[in-house]
Every structure is written in structure tokens, then in C-alpha cells.
């Protein structure tokens, strides 16, 4: 069954709501220019109150490996999502487990970092949360079982991606009431669409 990550969490209420809806992971944006930015102390207050077996993912842009490790340790993250262009040695320098993000601008980009687990998002000048969709045809013939799909996903359109067999789906703006505030009904509908609608290609 595909995994679901609800990203851009800024409050404990939204975090607990997402988990209750069936999310496997929740994401925290440690990028100061994002409208969904959260500080280390605020994130820590949330993670300390979460139930076990929930992945806590920190999104990072333009941070050194040392900075990423320090923020993850202080905020209670279990995984770092590296949302900017880095080389393989960046991941080797990290102490925390990390997930590379591919900001795909072409069909060739979706295979970058393969065969490792990776998140593939649509390229845009800003980082994350732009709601831009990827062309699903780019994944034709691609092994998708180690890819997490992001970019412009909503409860209404995620079913279109299910036949590709993605490992999981990452959603933020598609389940929001406003930037930084999640809509409970949309979150529940998204999780149900993913976990209740699994089909093989």
C-alpha cells in the first residue's frame, strides 16, 4: 500500500489530525522563505507530542550537512528531505538518514538518484509547495516503487498516479485551507484516495 506524507505542518492539531486520518509521515519545512516555515523549537513541541511509528521529515534548502544534522537532532526529525541540488557526498556527510529530492524539468530527470529512494517534484524556481503538477507520462517504463511523487497532488487527481506503483505520495498545498493550515476533510479524502484506491499497472 502506498505511503502518504502530509507536508507543511505548522501546528500540533494539524499533525495529530493527519496521523489520525492515516498519514504515515508528516513534514516540517525548515526553509525560512516558505510560508509554511516552522522554527526548530516549535517543531520540537510538536514532535514530542506525536505517537510512535510516525515518520517525522524535515525539509531543507541550502543547508550544510552539519546544519541539517543539528536541526534534525534539535527538532526531533527522523528523516531529512534535501530539497536542493547536491552531490552524493552531501548524503555521505549526513548522520541522519536523508531523502534526495529531484526537481524534475524533463522526463530524463525522474531517474536521477535511481535506484535509491527519492522524492520527485515538479521543477519551479521556488522550493516546494508551488502546486505544479508533473507529467505522469514521464514515468512510463520507469520503476516507480522507490519514488515518492509530489507536485500538484489533490484528493481529486491522485488516483491518476496510482497505476504507476509509486512508493508514496507527498502533499501540501493540495490539502490546505490556507498556506500552513491543513483542511481536515481534504486530508482524509487524500489518504482515502491513496490507500483505498490501490491498483496495479
N, C-alpha and C. Protein backbone atom coordinates (compact mmCIF):
# COMPACT_ATOMS: atom_id res chain seq x y z
N UNK A 1 0.85 -1.20 0.00
CA UNK A 1 0.00 0.00 0.00
C UNK A 1 0.88 1.24 0.00
N UNK A 2 0.59 2.23 -0.82
CA UNK A 2 1.43 3.43 -0.87
C UNK A 2 1.42 4.20 0.44
N UNK A 3 2.52 4.87 0.70
CA UNK A 3 2.66 5.71 1.88
C UNK A 3 2.16 7.12 1.56
N UNK A 4 1.73 7.83 2.61
CA UNK A 4 1.27 9.20 2.45
C UNK A 4 2.02 10.10 3.43
N UNK A 5 2.57 11.19 2.89
CA UNK A 5 3.20 12.21 3.74
C UNK A 5 2.43 13.51 3.58
N UNK A 6 2.05 14.09 4.70
CA UNK A 6 1.41 15.40 4.71
C UNK A 6 2.48 16.41 5.11
N UNK A 7 2.85 17.28 4.19
CA UNK A 7 3.96 18.21 4.43
C UNK A 7 3.44 19.61 4.77
N UNK A 8 4.35 20.41 5.31
CA UNK A 8 4.00 21.78 5.65
C UNK A 8 3.21 21.90 6.94
N UNK A 9 3.46 20.98 7.88
CA UNK A 9 2.76 21.01 9.16
C UNK A 9 3.30 22.15 10.02
N UNK A 10 2.40 22.93 10.60
CA UNK A 10 2.82 24.05 11.44
C UNK A 10 2.18 24.05 12.83
N UNK A 11 1.31 23.05 13.09
CA UNK A 11 0.65 23.01 14.40
C UNK A 11 0.46 21.57 14.84
N UNK A 12 0.37 21.37 16.15
CA UNK A 12 0.13 20.04 16.70
C UNK A 12 -1.23 19.52 16.28
N UNK A 13 -2.23 20.38 16.24
CA UNK A 13 -3.57 19.96 15.84
C UNK A 13 -3.56 19.36 14.44
N UNK A 14 -2.87 20.03 13.52
CA UNK A 14 -2.80 19.52 12.14
C UNK A 14 -2.02 18.22 12.08
N UNK A 15 -0.96 18.12 12.86
CA UNK A 15 -0.15 16.90 12.87
C UNK A 15 -0.97 15.71 13.36
N UNK A 16 -1.67 15.88 14.45
CA UNK A 16 -2.47 14.78 15.01
C UNK A 16 -3.63 14.44 14.10
N UNK A 17 -4.21 15.45 13.47
CA UNK A 17 -5.30 15.20 12.54
C UNK A 17 -4.82 14.37 11.35
N UNK A 18 -3.65 14.70 10.81
CA UNK A 18 -3.10 13.97 9.67
C UNK A 18 -2.80 12.52 10.04
N UNK A 19 -2.26 12.32 11.22
CA UNK A 19 -1.95 10.96 11.67
C UNK A 19 -3.22 10.16 11.87
N UNK A 20 -4.21 10.78 12.48
CA UNK A 20 -5.50 10.10 12.70
C UNK A 20 -6.15 9.74 11.36
N UNK A 21 -5.93 10.56 10.35
CA UNK A 21 -6.50 10.30 9.03
C UNK A 21 -5.79 9.15 8.32
N UNK A 22 -4.59 8.78 8.82
CA UNK A 22 -3.88 7.65 8.24
C UNK A 22 -2.57 7.99 7.58
N UNK A 23 -2.08 9.21 7.74
CA UNK A 23 -0.79 9.59 7.17
C UNK A 23 0.34 8.79 7.82
N UNK A 24 1.31 8.40 7.02
CA UNK A 24 2.46 7.65 7.51
C UNK A 24 3.59 8.56 7.95
N UNK A 25 3.61 9.77 7.42
CA UNK A 25 4.67 10.72 7.72
C UNK A 25 4.12 12.13 7.68
N UNK A 26 4.75 13.00 8.46
CA UNK A 26 4.39 14.41 8.43
C UNK A 26 5.67 15.20 8.20
N UNK A 27 5.53 16.31 7.47
CA UNK A 27 6.70 17.08 7.09
C UNK A 27 6.73 18.47 7.68
N UNK A 28 7.94 18.90 8.01
CA UNK A 28 8.18 20.22 8.58
C UNK A 28 9.15 20.97 7.68
N UNK A 29 8.80 22.20 7.33
CA UNK A 29 9.60 22.97 6.40
C UNK A 29 10.54 23.91 7.16
N UNK A 30 11.84 23.61 7.09
CA UNK A 30 12.84 24.46 7.75
C UNK A 30 13.51 25.39 6.74
N UNK A 31 12.71 25.93 5.86
CA UNK A 31 13.18 26.88 4.84
C UNK A 31 12.51 28.21 5.14
N UNK A 32 13.32 29.19 5.56
CA UNK A 32 12.79 30.43 6.09
C UNK A 32 11.91 31.21 5.13
N UNK A 33 12.12 31.05 3.82
CA UNK A 33 11.34 31.81 2.84
C UNK A 33 9.99 31.18 2.53
N UNK A 34 9.72 30.02 3.07
CA UNK A 34 8.45 29.35 2.81
C UNK A 34 7.35 29.89 3.72
N UNK A 35 6.13 30.02 3.20
CA UNK A 35 5.00 30.43 4.06
C UNK A 35 4.64 29.34 5.06
N UNK A 36 5.20 28.16 4.90
CA UNK A 36 4.96 27.04 5.81
C UNK A 36 6.15 26.79 6.73
N UNK A 37 7.03 27.75 6.81
CA UNK A 37 8.22 27.62 7.65
C UNK A 37 7.85 27.43 9.11
N UNK A 38 8.61 26.58 9.78
CA UNK A 38 8.43 26.39 11.21
C UNK A 38 9.80 26.42 11.88
N UNK A 39 9.87 27.01 13.04
CA UNK A 39 11.12 27.08 13.78
C UNK A 39 11.44 25.77 14.48
N UNK A 40 12.69 25.61 14.87
CA UNK A 40 13.14 24.37 15.50
C UNK A 40 12.39 24.10 16.80
N UNK A 41 12.26 25.11 17.64
CA UNK A 41 11.59 24.92 18.93
C UNK A 41 10.11 24.56 18.74
N UNK A 42 9.46 25.22 17.78
CA UNK A 42 8.05 24.94 17.53
C UNK A 42 7.87 23.51 17.00
N UNK A 43 8.78 23.10 16.13
CA UNK A 43 8.70 21.74 15.61
C UNK A 43 8.92 20.72 16.72
N UNK A 44 9.84 21.00 17.62
CA UNK A 44 10.14 20.09 18.72
C UNK A 44 8.92 19.90 19.62
N UNK A 45 8.20 20.98 19.87
CA UNK A 45 7.00 20.88 20.70
C UNK A 45 5.96 19.94 20.07
N UNK A 46 5.93 19.93 18.74
CA UNK A 46 5.00 19.05 18.03
C UNK A 46 5.49 17.61 18.07
N UNK A 47 6.75 17.39 17.71
CA UNK A 47 7.26 16.02 17.61
C UNK A 47 7.26 15.30 18.96
N UNK A 48 7.44 16.05 20.04
CA UNK A 48 7.44 15.44 21.37
C UNK A 48 6.06 14.91 21.75
N UNK A 49 5.03 15.39 21.08
CA UNK A 49 3.66 15.00 21.42
C UNK A 49 3.06 13.99 20.44
N UNK A 50 3.87 13.52 19.51
CA UNK A 50 3.36 12.59 18.49
C UNK A 50 3.43 11.15 18.98
N UNK A 51 2.52 10.30 18.48
CA UNK A 51 2.58 8.88 18.81
C UNK A 51 3.77 8.23 18.12
N UNK A 52 4.18 7.04 18.53
CA UNK A 52 5.30 6.35 17.89
C UNK A 52 4.96 5.85 16.50
N UNK A 53 5.99 5.45 15.77
CA UNK A 53 5.89 4.84 14.43
C UNK A 53 5.38 5.82 13.37
N UNK A 54 5.56 7.11 13.60
CA UNK A 54 5.22 8.11 12.60
C UNK A 54 6.52 8.78 12.14
N UNK A 55 6.79 8.76 10.83
CA UNK A 55 7.99 9.39 10.30
C UNK A 55 7.87 10.90 10.41
N UNK A 56 8.94 11.54 10.89
CA UNK A 56 8.98 12.99 11.05
C UNK A 56 10.06 13.52 10.11
N UNK A 57 9.62 14.22 9.08
CA UNK A 57 10.51 14.58 7.98
C UNK A 57 10.76 16.09 7.95
N UNK A 58 12.02 16.46 7.96
CA UNK A 58 12.39 17.87 7.86
C UNK A 58 12.81 18.21 6.45
N UNK A 59 12.25 19.28 5.89
CA UNK A 59 12.59 19.72 4.53
C UNK A 59 13.64 20.83 4.63
N UNK A 60 14.73 20.64 3.87
CA UNK A 60 15.85 21.58 3.96
C UNK A 60 16.24 22.13 2.60
N UNK A 61 16.57 23.42 2.58
CA UNK A 61 17.06 24.10 1.38
C UNK A 61 18.31 24.88 1.76
N UNK A 62 19.39 24.63 1.01
CA UNK A 62 20.64 25.39 1.16
C UNK A 62 21.21 25.35 2.58
N UNK A 63 21.16 24.17 3.18
CA UNK A 63 21.79 23.97 4.49
C UNK A 63 22.99 23.03 4.32
N UNK A 64 24.01 23.25 5.12
CA UNK A 64 25.15 22.34 5.11
C UNK A 64 24.75 21.03 5.80
N UNK A 65 25.50 19.95 5.58
CA UNK A 65 25.20 18.71 6.29
C UNK A 65 25.19 18.90 7.81
N UNK A 66 26.12 19.69 8.32
CA UNK A 66 26.18 19.93 9.76
C UNK A 66 24.93 20.64 10.25
N UNK A 67 24.51 21.67 9.52
CA UNK A 67 23.30 22.40 9.90
C UNK A 67 22.08 21.49 9.85
N UNK A 68 21.99 20.68 8.81
CA UNK A 68 20.85 19.76 8.67
C UNK A 68 20.81 18.78 9.83
N UNK A 69 21.96 18.20 10.16
CA UNK A 69 22.01 17.25 11.28
C UNK A 69 21.64 17.90 12.60
N UNK A 70 22.12 19.11 12.82
CA UNK A 70 21.83 19.80 14.08
C UNK A 70 20.34 20.12 14.21
N UNK A 71 19.75 20.63 13.14
CA UNK A 71 18.33 20.98 13.19
C UNK A 71 17.49 19.73 13.40
N UNK A 72 17.84 18.63 12.71
CA UNK A 72 17.09 17.39 12.86
C UNK A 72 17.16 16.87 14.29
N UNK A 73 18.34 16.92 14.89
CA UNK A 73 18.52 16.44 16.25
C UNK A 73 17.73 17.30 17.24
N UNK A 74 17.76 18.61 17.04
CA UNK A 74 17.10 19.52 17.98
C UNK A 74 15.59 19.52 17.83
N UNK A 75 15.09 19.20 16.65
CA UNK A 75 13.65 19.28 16.40
C UNK A 75 12.96 17.92 16.45
N UNK A 76 13.73 16.84 16.55
CA UNK A 76 13.13 15.51 16.65
C UNK A 76 12.76 14.89 15.32
N UNK A 77 13.49 15.26 14.26
CA UNK A 77 13.22 14.67 12.95
C UNK A 77 13.80 13.25 12.87
N UNK A 78 13.16 12.41 12.07
CA UNK A 78 13.67 11.06 11.83
C UNK A 78 14.22 10.90 10.42
N UNK A 79 13.99 11.90 9.55
CA UNK A 79 14.44 11.85 8.17
C UNK A 79 14.61 13.28 7.65
N UNK A 80 15.64 13.48 6.84
CA UNK A 80 15.87 14.79 6.22
C UNK A 80 15.53 14.72 4.74
N UNK A 81 14.75 15.66 4.26
CA UNK A 81 14.38 15.75 2.86
C UNK A 81 15.18 16.89 2.24
N UNK A 82 16.12 16.55 1.35
CA UNK A 82 17.06 17.53 0.82
C UNK A 82 16.50 18.11 -0.48
N UNK A 83 15.97 19.32 -0.38
CA UNK A 83 15.18 19.90 -1.46
C UNK A 83 15.98 20.91 -2.29
N UNK A 84 17.26 20.64 -2.49
CA UNK A 84 18.07 21.48 -3.36
C UNK A 84 19.14 20.60 -4.00
N UNK A 85 19.81 21.13 -5.01
CA UNK A 85 20.75 20.33 -5.79
C UNK A 85 22.04 20.08 -5.03
N UNK A 86 22.32 18.81 -4.75
CA UNK A 86 23.54 18.43 -4.06
C UNK A 86 24.15 17.21 -4.76
N UNK A 87 25.41 16.94 -4.41
CA UNK A 87 26.08 15.77 -4.93
C UNK A 87 25.99 14.64 -3.91
N UNK A 88 26.40 13.46 -4.34
CA UNK A 88 26.29 12.28 -3.47
C UNK A 88 27.06 12.44 -2.17
N UNK A 89 28.18 13.18 -2.19
CA UNK A 89 28.97 13.32 -0.97
C UNK A 89 28.22 14.08 0.12
N UNK A 90 27.22 14.86 -0.28
CA UNK A 90 26.40 15.56 0.72
C UNK A 90 25.71 14.53 1.62
N UNK A 91 25.12 13.51 1.01
CA UNK A 91 24.40 12.50 1.77
C UNK A 91 25.35 11.65 2.60
N UNK A 92 26.55 11.43 2.09
CA UNK A 92 27.55 10.66 2.83
C UNK A 92 28.02 11.41 4.06
N UNK A 93 27.90 12.75 4.05
CA UNK A 93 28.34 13.57 5.18
C UNK A 93 27.29 13.68 6.28
N UNK A 94 26.07 13.30 5.98
CA UNK A 94 24.98 13.41 6.95
C UNK A 94 25.00 12.25 7.95
N UNK A 95 24.62 12.54 9.17
CA UNK A 95 24.45 11.49 10.16
C UNK A 95 23.02 10.93 10.11
N UNK A 96 22.06 11.81 9.80
CA UNK A 96 20.67 11.38 9.72
C UNK A 96 20.38 10.78 8.35
N UNK A 97 19.44 9.86 8.30
CA UNK A 97 19.01 9.30 7.03
C UNK A 97 18.35 10.41 6.21
N UNK A 98 18.63 10.41 4.89
CA UNK A 98 18.14 11.51 4.06
C UNK A 98 17.47 11.00 2.80
N UNK A 99 16.57 11.83 2.30
CA UNK A 99 15.82 11.54 1.08
C UNK A 99 16.13 12.64 0.06
N UNK A 100 16.75 12.29 -1.07
CA UNK A 100 17.00 13.32 -2.08
C UNK A 100 15.71 13.71 -2.80
N UNK A 101 15.65 14.96 -3.20
CA UNK A 101 14.51 15.46 -3.96
C UNK A 101 14.98 15.80 -5.37
N UNK A 102 14.27 15.29 -6.36
CA UNK A 102 14.54 15.59 -7.76
C UNK A 102 13.51 16.62 -8.21
N UNK A 103 13.97 17.79 -8.59
CA UNK A 103 13.08 18.82 -9.12
C UNK A 103 13.07 18.66 -10.64
N UNK A 104 12.14 17.84 -11.10
CA UNK A 104 12.17 17.38 -12.49
C UNK A 104 11.66 18.42 -13.47
N UNK A 105 12.49 18.71 -14.48
CA UNK A 105 12.10 19.61 -15.56
C UNK A 105 11.93 18.87 -16.88
N UNK A 106 12.30 17.59 -16.88
CA UNK A 106 12.19 16.78 -18.10
C UNK A 106 12.02 15.32 -17.70
N UNK A 107 11.66 14.49 -18.67
CA UNK A 107 11.47 13.07 -18.41
C UNK A 107 12.76 12.41 -17.93
N UNK A 108 13.90 12.88 -18.42
CA UNK A 108 15.18 12.29 -18.03
C UNK A 108 15.48 12.50 -16.55
N UNK A 109 14.95 13.58 -15.99
CA UNK A 109 15.26 13.92 -14.60
C UNK A 109 14.70 12.92 -13.60
N UNK A 110 13.60 12.26 -13.94
CA UNK A 110 12.92 11.43 -12.94
C UNK A 110 13.76 10.23 -12.51
N UNK A 111 14.77 9.88 -13.29
CA UNK A 111 15.62 8.73 -12.95
C UNK A 111 16.86 9.14 -12.16
N UNK A 112 17.03 10.44 -11.92
CA UNK A 112 18.17 10.90 -11.13
C UNK A 112 18.13 10.29 -9.73
N UNK A 113 19.28 9.92 -9.22
CA UNK A 113 19.44 9.29 -7.92
C UNK A 113 18.91 7.85 -7.89
N UNK A 114 18.42 7.35 -9.04
CA UNK A 114 17.99 5.96 -9.05
C UNK A 114 19.19 5.05 -8.88
N UNK A 115 19.02 3.87 -8.26
CA UNK A 115 17.75 3.29 -7.83
C UNK A 115 17.37 3.59 -6.37
N UNK A 116 18.01 4.58 -5.75
CA UNK A 116 17.72 4.84 -4.35
C UNK A 116 16.32 5.48 -4.21
N UNK A 117 15.78 5.40 -3.00
CA UNK A 117 14.50 6.06 -2.74
C UNK A 117 14.70 7.57 -2.91
N UNK A 118 13.73 8.21 -3.56
CA UNK A 118 13.83 9.63 -3.82
C UNK A 118 12.43 10.22 -3.97
N UNK A 119 12.34 11.52 -3.77
CA UNK A 119 11.08 12.23 -3.99
C UNK A 119 11.22 13.01 -5.29
N UNK A 120 10.24 12.89 -6.16
CA UNK A 120 10.27 13.60 -7.44
C UNK A 120 9.16 14.65 -7.44
N UNK A 121 9.56 15.89 -7.61
CA UNK A 121 8.65 17.03 -7.61
C UNK A 121 8.81 17.79 -8.92
N UNK A 122 7.85 18.62 -9.23
CA UNK A 122 7.95 19.44 -10.44
C UNK A 122 8.93 20.58 -10.21
N UNK A 123 9.75 20.88 -11.22
CA UNK A 123 10.70 21.97 -11.09
C UNK A 123 9.98 23.31 -11.07
N UNK A 124 10.41 24.15 -10.14
CA UNK A 124 9.97 25.54 -10.14
C UNK A 124 11.08 26.36 -9.49
N UNK A 125 11.08 27.66 -9.73
CA UNK A 125 12.17 28.49 -9.22
C UNK A 125 12.18 28.54 -7.70
N UNK A 126 11.01 28.49 -7.11
CA UNK A 126 10.94 28.43 -5.65
C UNK A 126 11.08 26.98 -5.23
N UNK A 127 11.06 26.74 -3.93
CA UNK A 127 11.27 25.39 -3.42
C UNK A 127 10.04 24.88 -2.69
N UNK A 128 9.34 23.92 -3.34
CA UNK A 128 8.25 23.22 -2.65
C UNK A 128 6.97 24.01 -2.51
N UNK A 129 5.86 23.29 -2.49
CA UNK A 129 4.57 23.91 -2.20
C UNK A 129 4.00 24.78 -3.29
N UNK A 130 4.51 24.67 -4.52
CA UNK A 130 4.03 25.54 -5.61
C UNK A 130 2.78 24.97 -6.27
N UNK A 131 2.49 23.70 -6.02
CA UNK A 131 1.29 23.10 -6.58
C UNK A 131 1.37 22.81 -8.07
N UNK A 132 2.58 22.74 -8.61
CA UNK A 132 2.77 22.46 -10.04
C UNK A 132 2.81 20.96 -10.26
N UNK A 133 2.05 20.46 -11.24
CA UNK A 133 1.95 19.03 -11.49
C UNK A 133 3.02 18.54 -12.45
N UNK A 134 3.42 17.29 -12.25
CA UNK A 134 4.33 16.64 -13.16
C UNK A 134 3.56 15.92 -14.26
N UNK A 135 4.20 15.74 -15.39
CA UNK A 135 3.63 14.96 -16.49
C UNK A 135 3.79 13.49 -16.16
N UNK A 136 2.71 12.79 -15.89
CA UNK A 136 2.81 11.39 -15.49
C UNK A 136 3.38 10.50 -16.59
N UNK A 137 3.28 10.94 -17.83
CA UNK A 137 3.85 10.14 -18.92
C UNK A 137 5.37 10.02 -18.80
N UNK A 138 5.99 10.92 -18.06
CA UNK A 138 7.43 10.83 -17.84
C UNK A 138 7.81 9.55 -17.08
N UNK A 139 6.84 8.97 -16.39
CA UNK A 139 7.12 7.78 -15.59
C UNK A 139 6.79 6.48 -16.33
N UNK A 140 6.35 6.59 -17.55
CA UNK A 140 6.08 5.39 -18.34
C UNK A 140 7.37 4.59 -18.51
N UNK A 141 7.34 3.31 -18.14
CA UNK A 141 8.51 2.47 -18.25
C UNK A 141 9.54 2.64 -17.16
N UNK A 142 9.26 3.51 -16.18
CA UNK A 142 10.19 3.76 -15.07
C UNK A 142 9.78 2.92 -13.86
N UNK A 143 10.76 2.35 -13.18
CA UNK A 143 10.47 1.64 -11.93
C UNK A 143 10.14 2.67 -10.86
N UNK A 144 8.88 2.69 -10.42
CA UNK A 144 8.40 3.74 -9.51
C UNK A 144 8.26 3.30 -8.06
N UNK A 145 8.61 2.05 -7.77
CA UNK A 145 8.39 1.53 -6.41
C UNK A 145 9.30 2.17 -5.37
N UNK A 146 10.31 2.92 -5.82
CA UNK A 146 11.18 3.63 -4.89
C UNK A 146 11.08 5.15 -5.08
N UNK A 147 9.98 5.60 -5.68
CA UNK A 147 9.76 7.02 -5.92
C UNK A 147 8.56 7.52 -5.14
N UNK A 148 8.74 8.65 -4.48
CA UNK A 148 7.63 9.35 -3.82
C UNK A 148 7.25 10.51 -4.73
N UNK A 149 6.01 10.56 -5.13
CA UNK A 149 5.55 11.60 -6.06
C UNK A 149 5.03 12.80 -5.31
N UNK A 150 5.42 13.98 -5.76
CA UNK A 150 4.93 15.24 -5.19
C UNK A 150 4.60 16.18 -6.34
N UNK A 151 3.96 17.29 -6.00
CA UNK A 151 3.70 18.32 -7.00
C UNK A 151 2.27 18.34 -7.52
N UNK A 152 1.48 19.26 -7.01
CA UNK A 152 0.13 19.47 -7.54
C UNK A 152 -0.86 18.37 -7.26
N UNK A 153 -0.58 17.53 -6.27
CA UNK A 153 -1.50 16.44 -5.96
C UNK A 153 -2.67 16.94 -5.13
N UNK A 154 -3.85 16.36 -5.40
CA UNK A 154 -5.06 16.69 -4.65
C UNK A 154 -5.87 15.42 -4.44
N UNK A 155 -6.86 15.46 -3.57
CA UNK A 155 -7.73 14.29 -3.42
C UNK A 155 -8.44 13.92 -4.72
N UNK A 156 -8.62 14.90 -5.60
CA UNK A 156 -9.36 14.67 -6.83
C UNK A 156 -8.50 14.08 -7.96
N UNK A 157 -7.17 14.31 -7.92
CA UNK A 157 -6.37 13.84 -9.05
C UNK A 157 -5.35 12.75 -8.71
N UNK A 158 -5.16 12.44 -7.43
CA UNK A 158 -4.10 11.48 -7.08
C UNK A 158 -4.38 10.09 -7.65
N UNK A 159 -5.64 9.77 -7.90
CA UNK A 159 -5.97 8.44 -8.44
C UNK A 159 -5.32 8.22 -9.80
N UNK A 160 -5.04 9.30 -10.52
CA UNK A 160 -4.42 9.17 -11.83
C UNK A 160 -3.01 8.59 -11.74
N UNK A 161 -2.36 8.78 -10.59
CA UNK A 161 -0.99 8.31 -10.43
C UNK A 161 -0.90 6.91 -9.81
N UNK A 162 -1.98 6.40 -9.27
CA UNK A 162 -1.94 5.12 -8.57
C UNK A 162 -1.47 3.95 -9.44
N UNK A 163 -1.85 3.88 -10.71
CA UNK A 163 -1.42 2.74 -11.52
C UNK A 163 0.09 2.62 -11.71
N UNK A 164 0.83 3.69 -11.45
CA UNK A 164 2.28 3.65 -11.67
C UNK A 164 3.03 2.92 -10.56
N UNK A 165 2.38 2.67 -9.45
CA UNK A 165 3.02 1.92 -8.37
C UNK A 165 4.05 2.70 -7.58
N UNK A 166 3.82 3.99 -7.39
CA UNK A 166 4.74 4.81 -6.59
C UNK A 166 4.82 4.29 -5.15
N UNK A 167 6.00 4.48 -4.55
CA UNK A 167 6.16 4.09 -3.15
C UNK A 167 5.25 4.92 -2.25
N UNK A 168 5.11 6.19 -2.60
CA UNK A 168 4.27 7.04 -1.77
C UNK A 168 3.96 8.37 -2.45
N UNK A 169 3.20 9.18 -1.73
CA UNK A 169 2.76 10.48 -2.24
C UNK A 169 2.96 11.53 -1.16
N UNK A 170 3.44 12.69 -1.59
CA UNK A 170 3.72 13.81 -0.69
C UNK A 170 2.82 14.97 -1.10
N UNK A 171 2.01 15.45 -0.17
CA UNK A 171 1.07 16.52 -0.50
C UNK A 171 1.16 17.63 0.54
N UNK A 172 0.99 18.86 0.09
CA UNK A 172 0.98 20.00 1.00
C UNK A 172 -0.15 20.95 0.62
N UNK A 173 0.05 21.73 -0.44
CA UNK A 173 -0.95 22.74 -0.81
C UNK A 173 -2.28 22.12 -1.22
N UNK A 174 -2.26 20.90 -1.73
CA UNK A 174 -3.48 20.25 -2.19
C UNK A 174 -4.45 19.86 -1.10
N UNK A 175 -4.01 19.95 0.16
CA UNK A 175 -4.92 19.60 1.28
C UNK A 175 -4.98 20.74 2.29
N UNK A 176 -4.80 21.96 1.80
CA UNK A 176 -4.78 23.11 2.70
C UNK A 176 -6.06 23.93 2.66
N UNK A 177 -6.36 24.50 3.80
CA UNK A 177 -7.40 25.51 3.92
C UNK A 177 -6.82 26.86 3.49
N UNK A 178 -5.57 27.08 3.92
CA UNK A 178 -4.75 28.22 3.51
C UNK A 178 -3.31 27.80 3.75
N UNK A 179 -2.37 28.57 3.28
CA UNK A 179 -0.96 28.19 3.41
C UNK A 179 -0.58 28.00 4.88
N UNK A 180 -0.14 26.79 5.21
CA UNK A 180 0.27 26.49 6.57
C UNK A 180 -0.83 25.93 7.44
N UNK A 181 -2.05 25.88 6.94
CA UNK A 181 -3.18 25.35 7.70
C UNK A 181 -3.87 24.28 6.88
N UNK A 182 -3.90 23.04 7.41
CA UNK A 182 -4.48 21.93 6.66
C UNK A 182 -5.99 21.87 6.83
N UNK A 183 -6.64 21.34 5.81
CA UNK A 183 -8.09 21.14 5.80
C UNK A 183 -8.34 19.67 6.13
N UNK A 184 -8.98 19.40 7.24
CA UNK A 184 -9.16 18.03 7.71
C UNK A 184 -9.89 17.16 6.71
N UNK A 185 -10.93 17.70 6.10
CA UNK A 185 -11.70 16.92 5.13
C UNK A 185 -10.85 16.56 3.91
N UNK A 186 -10.04 17.49 3.46
CA UNK A 186 -9.17 17.23 2.30
C UNK A 186 -8.09 16.21 2.65
N UNK A 187 -7.54 16.30 3.85
CA UNK A 187 -6.52 15.33 4.27
C UNK A 187 -7.10 13.93 4.30
N UNK A 188 -8.27 13.80 4.91
CA UNK A 188 -8.91 12.48 4.98
C UNK A 188 -9.23 11.96 3.59
N UNK A 189 -9.71 12.83 2.73
CA UNK A 189 -10.06 12.41 1.37
C UNK A 189 -8.82 11.99 0.59
N UNK A 190 -7.71 12.67 0.81
CA UNK A 190 -6.47 12.33 0.10
C UNK A 190 -5.97 10.96 0.56
N UNK A 191 -5.93 10.75 1.86
CA UNK A 191 -5.45 9.47 2.38
C UNK A 191 -6.34 8.33 1.89
N UNK A 192 -7.63 8.54 1.91
CA UNK A 192 -8.55 7.52 1.44
C UNK A 192 -8.38 7.23 -0.04
N UNK A 193 -8.16 8.28 -0.83
CA UNK A 193 -7.96 8.11 -2.26
C UNK A 193 -6.72 7.28 -2.55
N UNK A 194 -5.68 7.45 -1.74
CA UNK A 194 -4.44 6.70 -1.94
C UNK A 194 -4.54 5.29 -1.40
N UNK A 195 -4.96 5.16 -0.18
CA UNK A 195 -4.93 3.86 0.48
C UNK A 195 -6.15 2.99 0.15
N UNK A 196 -7.20 3.64 -0.31
CA UNK A 196 -8.40 2.87 -0.66
C UNK A 196 -8.52 2.59 -2.15
N UNK A 197 -7.58 3.16 -2.92
CA UNK A 197 -7.72 3.03 -4.36
C UNK A 197 -6.53 2.42 -5.05
N UNK A 198 -5.78 1.60 -4.34
CA UNK A 198 -4.57 0.99 -4.89
C UNK A 198 -4.90 0.07 -6.07
N UNK A 199 -4.19 0.25 -7.17
CA UNK A 199 -4.36 -0.66 -8.29
C UNK A 199 -3.02 -0.80 -9.01
N UNK A 200 -2.79 -1.94 -9.64
CA UNK A 200 -1.52 -2.22 -10.30
C UNK A 200 -1.61 -1.90 -11.78
N UNK A 201 -0.48 -1.44 -12.31
CA UNK A 201 -0.44 -1.11 -13.73
C UNK A 201 -0.24 -2.40 -14.54
